[in-house]
């Protein structure tokens, strides 16, 4: 575990708690980034969250609530 990995883990956690524009700006200031784009890279999605999102898309389609793109 390095200081950089701890900083990265903190930033990812902060984005999971508040990924609004205000949350990103506050994190940018806290981390001391000059560029907003540098901070925006921390808007990562965990594998579980991505899988849940993907499953919801297919369930909606199976229930007739989604559009079929075929």
PDB file of N, CA and C in Angstrom:
ATOM      1  N   UNK A   1       0.856  -1.166   0.000  1.00  0.00           N
ATOM      2  CA  UNK A   1       0.000   0.000   0.000  1.00  0.00           C
ATOM      3  C   UNK A   1       0.905   1.232   0.000  1.00  0.00           C
ATOM      4  N   UNK A   2       0.659   2.098  -0.938  1.00  0.00           N
ATOM      5  CA  UNK A   2       1.449   3.324  -1.053  1.00  0.00           C
ATOM      6  C   UNK A   2       0.552   4.531  -0.770  1.00  0.00           C
ATOM      7  N   UNK A   3       1.166   5.675  -0.483  1.00  0.00           N
ATOM      8  CA  UNK A   3       0.365   6.890  -0.274  1.00  0.00           C
ATOM      9  C   UNK A   3      -0.510   7.223  -1.488  1.00  0.00           C
ATOM     10  N   UNK A   4       0.003   6.978  -2.682  1.00  0.00           N
ATOM     11  CA  UNK A   4      -0.775   7.268  -3.889  1.00  0.00           C
ATOM     12  C   UNK A   4      -2.024   6.389  -3.956  1.00  0.00           C
ATOM     13  N   UNK A   5      -1.895   5.113  -3.610  1.00  0.00           N
ATOM     14  CA  UNK A   5      -3.055   4.203  -3.645  1.00  0.00           C
ATOM     15  C   UNK A   5      -4.086   4.584  -2.588  1.00  0.00           C
ATOM     16  N   UNK A   6      -3.631   5.040  -1.441  1.00  0.00           N
ATOM     17  CA  UNK A   6      -4.561   5.514  -0.410  1.00  0.00           C
ATOM     18  C   UNK A   6      -5.315   6.755  -0.891  1.00  0.00           C
ATOM     19  N   UNK A   7      -4.593   7.651  -1.526  1.00  0.00           N
ATOM     20  CA  UNK A   7      -5.195   8.871  -2.066  1.00  0.00           C
ATOM     21  C   UNK A   7      -6.219   8.519  -3.144  1.00  0.00           C
ATOM     22  N   UNK A   8      -5.863   7.563  -4.002  1.00  0.00           N
ATOM     23  CA  UNK A   8      -6.753   7.109  -5.060  1.00  0.00           C
ATOM     24  C   UNK A   8      -8.009   6.475  -4.459  1.00  0.00           C
ATOM     25  N   UNK A   9      -7.840   5.621  -3.461  1.00  0.00           N
ATOM     26  CA  UNK A   9      -8.982   4.965  -2.813  1.00  0.00           C
ATOM     27  C   UNK A   9      -9.901   6.002  -2.156  1.00  0.00           C
ATOM     28  N   UNK A  10      -9.312   7.016  -1.525  1.00  0.00           N
ATOM     29  CA  UNK A  10     -10.108   8.079  -0.919  1.00  0.00           C
ATOM     30  C   UNK A  10     -10.930   8.802  -1.986  1.00  0.00           C
ATOM     31  N   UNK A  11     -10.298   9.132  -3.098  1.00  0.00           N
ATOM     32  CA  UNK A  11     -10.980   9.878  -4.151  1.00  0.00           C
ATOM     33  C   UNK A  11     -12.114   9.056  -4.763  1.00  0.00           C
ATOM     34  N   UNK A  12     -11.886   7.783  -5.001  1.00  0.00           N
ATOM     35  CA  UNK A  12     -12.933   6.921  -5.553  1.00  0.00           C
ATOM     36  C   UNK A  12     -14.091   6.815  -4.560  1.00  0.00           C
ATOM     37  N   UNK A  13     -13.783   6.642  -3.290  1.00  0.00           N
ATOM     38  CA  UNK A  13     -14.828   6.577  -2.256  1.00  0.00           C
ATOM     39  C   UNK A  13     -15.614   7.886  -2.201  1.00  0.00           C
ATOM     40  N   UNK A  14     -14.930   8.996  -2.263  1.00  0.00           N
ATOM     41  CA  UNK A  14     -15.594  10.296  -2.227  1.00  0.00           C
ATOM     42  C   UNK A  14     -16.552  10.441  -3.404  1.00  0.00           C
ATOM     43  N   UNK A  15     -16.172   9.958  -4.568  1.00  0.00           N
ATOM     44  CA  UNK A  15     -17.034  10.037  -5.749  1.00  0.00           C
ATOM     45  C   UNK A  15     -18.243   9.116  -5.619  1.00  0.00           C
ATOM     46  N   UNK A  16     -18.066   7.969  -4.963  1.00  0.00           N
ATOM     47  CA  UNK A  16     -19.207   7.080  -4.754  1.00  0.00           C
ATOM     48  C   UNK A  16     -20.213   7.703  -3.801  1.00  0.00           C
ATOM     49  N   UNK A  17     -19.730   8.511  -2.881  1.00  0.00           N
ATOM     50  CA  UNK A  17     -20.612   9.159  -1.907  1.00  0.00           C
ATOM     51  C   UNK A  17     -21.310  10.378  -2.512  1.00  0.00           C
ATOM     52  N   UNK A  18     -20.626  11.121  -3.381  1.00  0.00           N
ATOM     53  CA  UNK A  18     -21.200  12.323  -3.980  1.00  0.00           C
ATOM     54  C   UNK A  18     -20.505  12.604  -5.307  1.00  0.00           C
ATOM     55  N   UNK A  19     -21.125  12.156  -6.404  1.00  0.00           N
ATOM     56  CA  UNK A  19     -20.502  12.386  -7.710  1.00  0.00           C
ATOM     57  C   UNK A  19     -21.167  13.538  -8.459  1.00  0.00           C
ATOM     58  N   UNK A  20     -21.801  14.428  -7.700  1.00  0.00           N
ATOM     59  CA  UNK A  20     -22.400  15.613  -8.309  1.00  0.00           C
ATOM     60  C   UNK A  20     -21.299  16.591  -8.725  1.00  0.00           C
ATOM     61  N   UNK A  21     -21.691  17.612  -9.431  1.00  0.00           N
ATOM     62  CA  UNK A  21     -20.739  18.644  -9.832  1.00  0.00           C
ATOM     63  C   UNK A  21     -20.069  19.300  -8.638  1.00  0.00           C
ATOM     64  N   UNK A  22     -20.863  19.541  -7.591  1.00  0.00           N
ATOM     65  CA  UNK A  22     -20.301  20.137  -6.381  1.00  0.00           C
ATOM     66  C   UNK A  22     -19.299  19.192  -5.725  1.00  0.00           C
ATOM     67  N   UNK A  23     -19.641  17.900  -5.684  1.00  0.00           N
ATOM     68  CA  UNK A  23     -18.738  16.912  -5.106  1.00  0.00           C
ATOM     69  C   UNK A  23     -17.418  16.843  -5.851  1.00  0.00           C
ATOM     70  N   UNK A  24     -17.498  16.892  -7.187  1.00  0.00           N
ATOM     71  CA  UNK A  24     -16.271  16.868  -7.990  1.00  0.00           C
ATOM     72  C   UNK A  24     -15.421  18.109  -7.739  1.00  0.00           C
ATOM     73  N   UNK A  25     -16.065  19.265  -7.673  1.00  0.00           N
ATOM     74  CA  UNK A  25     -15.316  20.511  -7.437  1.00  0.00           C
ATOM     75  C   UNK A  25     -14.654  20.519  -6.056  1.00  0.00           C
ATOM     76  N   UNK A  26     -15.379  20.025  -5.051  1.00  0.00           N
ATOM     77  CA  UNK A  26     -14.795  19.974  -3.708  1.00  0.00           C
ATOM     78  C   UNK A  26     -13.619  19.000  -3.666  1.00  0.00           C
ATOM     79  N   UNK A  27     -13.767  17.849  -4.329  1.00  0.00           N
ATOM     80  CA  UNK A  27     -12.673  16.886  -4.374  1.00  0.00           C
ATOM     81  C   UNK A  27     -11.476  17.468  -5.120  1.00  0.00           C
ATOM     82  N   UNK A  28     -11.739  18.182  -6.207  1.00  0.00           N
ATOM     83  CA  UNK A  28     -10.666  18.835  -6.958  1.00  0.00           C
ATOM     84  C   UNK A  28      -9.870  19.762  -6.055  1.00  0.00           C
ATOM     85  N   UNK A  29     -10.583  20.560  -5.280  1.00  0.00           N
ATOM     86  CA  UNK A  29      -9.913  21.490  -4.366  1.00  0.00           C
ATOM     87  C   UNK A  29      -9.153  20.726  -3.286  1.00  0.00           C
ATOM     88  N   UNK A  30      -9.760  19.693  -2.724  1.00  0.00           N
ATOM     89  CA  UNK A  30      -9.133  18.907  -1.661  1.00  0.00           C
ATOM     90  C   UNK A  30      -7.846  18.234  -2.147  1.00  0.00           C
ATOM     91  N   UNK A  31      -7.877  17.700  -3.382  1.00  0.00           N
ATOM     92  CA  UNK A  31      -6.700  17.013  -3.919  1.00  0.00           C
ATOM     93  C   UNK A  31      -5.667  17.971  -4.507  1.00  0.00           C
ATOM     94  N   UNK A  32      -6.058  19.223  -4.713  1.00  0.00           N
ATOM     95  CA  UNK A  32      -5.127  20.210  -5.247  1.00  0.00           C
ATOM     96  C   UNK A  32      -4.902  20.096  -6.744  1.00  0.00           C
ATOM     97  N   UNK A  33      -5.887  19.570  -7.467  1.00  0.00           N
ATOM     98  CA  UNK A  33      -5.758  19.452  -8.918  1.00  0.00           C
ATOM     99  C   UNK A  33      -6.042  20.789  -9.585  1.00  0.00           C
ATOM    100  N   UNK A  34      -5.204  21.168 -10.520  1.00  0.00           N
ATOM    101  CA  UNK A  34      -5.439  22.385 -11.285  1.00  0.00           C
ATOM    102  C   UNK A  34      -6.510  22.148 -12.348  1.00  0.00           C
ATOM    103  N   UNK A  35      -6.554  20.925 -12.885  1.00  0.00           N
ATOM    104  CA  UNK A  35      -7.479  20.599 -13.958  1.00  0.00           C
ATOM    105  C   UNK A  35      -8.664  19.788 -13.436  1.00  0.00           C
ATOM    106  N   UNK A  36      -9.865  20.199 -13.820  1.00  0.00           N
ATOM    107  CA  UNK A  36     -11.068  19.460 -13.471  1.00  0.00           C
ATOM    108  C   UNK A  36     -11.030  18.068 -14.090  1.00  0.00           C
ATOM    109  N   UNK A  37     -10.460  17.943 -15.281  1.00  0.00           N
ATOM    110  CA  UNK A  37     -10.387  16.644 -15.968  1.00  0.00           C
ATOM    111  C   UNK A  37      -9.575  15.623 -15.181  1.00  0.00           C
ATOM    112  N   UNK A  38      -8.563  16.073 -14.477  1.00  0.00           N
ATOM    113  CA  UNK A  38      -7.762  15.163 -13.653  1.00  0.00           C
ATOM    114  C   UNK A  38      -8.628  14.578 -12.550  1.00  0.00           C
ATOM    115  N   UNK A  39      -9.434  15.398 -11.921  1.00  0.00           N
ATOM    116  CA  UNK A  39     -10.304  14.938 -10.841  1.00  0.00           C
ATOM    117  C   UNK A  39     -11.424  14.055 -11.384  1.00  0.00           C
ATOM    118  N   UNK A  40     -11.940  14.383 -12.549  1.00  0.00           N
ATOM    119  CA  UNK A  40     -13.050  13.625 -13.126  1.00  0.00           C
ATOM    120  C   UNK A  40     -12.673  12.170 -13.397  1.00  0.00           C
ATOM    121  N   UNK A  41     -11.402  11.863 -13.509  1.00  0.00           N
ATOM    122  CA  UNK A  41     -10.966  10.486 -13.739  1.00  0.00           C
ATOM    123  C   UNK A  41     -11.310   9.583 -12.556  1.00  0.00           C
ATOM    124  N   UNK A  42     -11.565  10.171 -11.399  1.00  0.00           N
ATOM    125  CA  UNK A  42     -11.898   9.384 -10.218  1.00  0.00           C
ATOM    126  C   UNK A  42     -13.351   8.939 -10.195  1.00  0.00           C
ATOM    127  N   UNK A  43     -14.107   9.293 -11.192  1.00  0.00           N
ATOM    128  CA  UNK A  43     -15.516   8.881 -11.286  1.00  0.00           C
ATOM    129  C   UNK A  43     -15.590   7.457 -11.816  1.00  0.00           C
ATOM    130  N   UNK A  44     -14.965   6.556 -11.122  1.00  0.00           N
ATOM    131  CA  UNK A  44     -14.912   5.158 -11.537  1.00  0.00           C
ATOM    132  C   UNK A  44     -16.174   4.444 -11.053  1.00  0.00           C
ATOM    133  N   UNK A  45     -16.532   3.401 -11.771  1.00  0.00           N
ATOM    134  CA  UNK A  45     -17.675   2.586 -11.387  1.00  0.00           C
ATOM    135  C   UNK A  45     -17.162   1.204 -11.029  1.00  0.00           C
ATOM    136  N   UNK A  46     -17.582   0.715  -9.880  1.00  0.00           N
ATOM    137  CA  UNK A  46     -17.128  -0.606  -9.465  1.00  0.00           C
ATOM    138  C   UNK A  46     -17.763  -1.671 -10.335  1.00  0.00           C
ATOM    139  N   UNK A  47     -17.152  -2.824 -10.374  1.00  0.00           N
ATOM    140  CA  UNK A  47     -17.668  -3.933 -11.164  1.00  0.00           C
ATOM    141  C   UNK A  47     -19.075  -4.323 -10.765  1.00  0.00           C
ATOM    142  N   UNK A  48     -19.357  -4.325  -9.466  1.00  0.00           N
ATOM    143  CA  UNK A  48     -20.684  -4.694  -8.987  1.00  0.00           C
ATOM    144  C   UNK A  48     -21.719  -3.668  -9.449  1.00  0.00           C
ATOM    145  N   UNK A  49     -21.404  -2.387  -9.325  1.00  0.00           N
ATOM    146  CA  UNK A  49     -22.342  -1.357  -9.758  1.00  0.00           C
ATOM    147  C   UNK A  49     -22.608  -1.453 -11.250  1.00  0.00           C
ATOM    148  N   UNK A  50     -21.566  -1.697 -12.027  1.00  0.00           N
ATOM    149  CA  UNK A  50     -21.725  -1.823 -13.474  1.00  0.00           C
ATOM    150  C   UNK A  50     -22.588  -3.037 -13.823  1.00  0.00           C
ATOM    151  N   UNK A  51     -22.353  -4.159 -13.171  1.00  0.00           N
ATOM    152  CA  UNK A  51     -23.124  -5.372 -13.427  1.00  0.00           C
ATOM    153  C   UNK A  51     -24.595  -5.155 -13.053  1.00  0.00           C
ATOM    154  N   UNK A  52     -24.864  -4.503 -11.922  1.00  0.00           N
ATOM    155  CA  UNK A  52     -26.242  -4.223 -11.515  1.00  0.00           C
ATOM    156  C   UNK A  52     -26.948  -3.342 -12.541  1.00  0.00           C
ATOM    157  N   UNK A  53     -26.260  -2.333 -13.023  1.00  0.00           N
ATOM    158  CA  UNK A  53     -26.818  -1.437 -14.042  1.00  0.00           C
ATOM    159  C   UNK A  53     -27.144  -2.221 -15.309  1.00  0.00           C
ATOM    160  N   UNK A  54     -26.235  -3.065 -15.724  1.00  0.00           N
ATOM    161  CA  UNK A  54     -26.419  -3.854 -16.941  1.00  0.00           C
ATOM    162  C   UNK A  54     -27.593  -4.826 -16.774  1.00  0.00           C
ATOM    163  N   UNK A  55     -27.676  -5.475 -15.616  1.00  0.00           N
ATOM    164  CA  UNK A  55     -28.778  -6.397 -15.348  1.00  0.00           C
ATOM    165  C   UNK A  55     -30.123  -5.680 -15.375  1.00  0.00           C
ATOM    166  N   UNK A  56     -30.181  -4.463 -14.848  1.00  0.00           N
ATOM    167  CA  UNK A  56     -31.421  -3.686 -14.874  1.00  0.00           C
ATOM    168  C   UNK A  56     -31.864  -3.401 -16.304  1.00  0.00           C
ATOM    169  N   UNK A  57     -30.913  -3.129 -17.178  1.00  0.00           N
ATOM    170  CA  UNK A  57     -31.255  -2.870 -18.577  1.00  0.00           C
ATOM    171  C   UNK A  57     -31.934  -4.081 -19.200  1.00  0.00           C
ATOM    172  N   UNK A  58     -31.400  -5.257 -18.950  1.00  0.00           N
ATOM    173  CA  UNK A  58     -31.963  -6.468 -19.539  1.00  0.00           C
ATOM    174  C   UNK A  58     -33.288  -6.829 -18.894  1.00  0.00           C
ATOM    175  N   UNK A  59     -33.445  -6.628 -17.594  1.00  0.00           N
ATOM    176  CA  UNK A  59     -34.715  -6.930 -16.930  1.00  0.00           C
ATOM    177  C   UNK A  59     -35.821  -6.024 -17.467  1.00  0.00           C
ATOM    178  N   UNK A  60     -35.487  -4.758 -17.692  1.00  0.00           N
ATOM    179  CA  UNK A  60     -36.477  -3.821 -18.223  1.00  0.00           C
ATOM    180  C   UNK A  60     -36.930  -4.272 -19.605  1.00  0.00           C
ATOM    181  N   UNK A  61     -36.005  -4.759 -20.414  1.00  0.00           N
ATOM    182  CA  UNK A  61     -36.343  -5.223 -21.753  1.00  0.00           C
ATOM    183  C   UNK A  61     -37.193  -6.490 -21.676  1.00  0.00           C
ATOM    184  N   UNK A  62     -36.848  -7.409 -20.774  1.00  0.00           N
ATOM    185  CA  UNK A  62     -37.593  -8.655 -20.623  1.00  0.00           C
ATOM    186  C   UNK A  62     -39.019  -8.409 -20.152  1.00  0.00           C
ATOM    187  N   UNK A  63     -39.224  -7.358 -19.373  1.00  0.00           N
ATOM    188  CA  UNK A  63     -40.552  -7.035 -18.855  1.00  0.00           C
ATOM    189  C   UNK A  63     -41.362  -6.189 -19.826  1.00  0.00           C
ATOM    190  N   UNK A  64     -40.789  -5.875 -20.956  1.00  0.00           N
ATOM    191  CA  UNK A  64     -41.490  -5.058 -21.930  1.00  0.00           C
ATOM    192  C   UNK A  64     -41.409  -3.577 -21.657  1.00  0.00           C
ATOM    193  N   UNK A  65     -40.565  -3.173 -20.701  1.00  0.00           N
ATOM    194  CA  UNK A  65     -40.445  -1.763 -20.350  1.00  0.00           C
ATOM    195  C   UNK A  65     -39.357  -1.047 -21.144  1.00  0.00           C
ATOM    196  N   UNK A  66     -38.507  -1.796 -21.800  1.00  0.00           N
ATOM    197  CA  UNK A  66     -37.394  -1.191 -22.534  1.00  0.00           C
ATOM    198  C   UNK A  66     -37.608  -1.347 -24.018  1.00  0.00           C
ATOM    199  N   UNK A  67     -36.857  -0.592 -24.772  1.00  0.00           N
ATOM    200  CA  UNK A  67     -36.956  -0.721 -26.218  1.00  0.00           C
ATOM    201  C   UNK A  67     -35.955  -1.757 -26.694  1.00  0.00           C
ATOM    202  N   UNK A  68     -36.352  -2.476 -27.705  1.00  0.00           N
ATOM    203  CA  UNK A  68     -35.459  -3.489 -28.258  1.00  0.00           C
ATOM    204  C   UNK A  68     -34.741  -2.899 -29.451  1.00  0.00           C
ATOM    205  N   UNK A  69     -33.423  -3.028 -29.453  1.00  0.00           N
ATOM    206  CA  UNK A  69     -32.589  -2.435 -30.505  1.00  0.00           C
ATOM    207  C   UNK A  69     -32.139  -3.528 -31.463  1.00  0.00           C
ATOM    208  N   UNK A  70     -33.084  -4.217 -32.070  1.00  0.00           N
ATOM    209  CA  UNK A  70     -32.705  -5.299 -32.993  1.00  0.00           C
ATOM    210  C   UNK A  70     -33.120  -4.994 -34.385  1.00  0.00           C
TER     211      UNK A  70
END
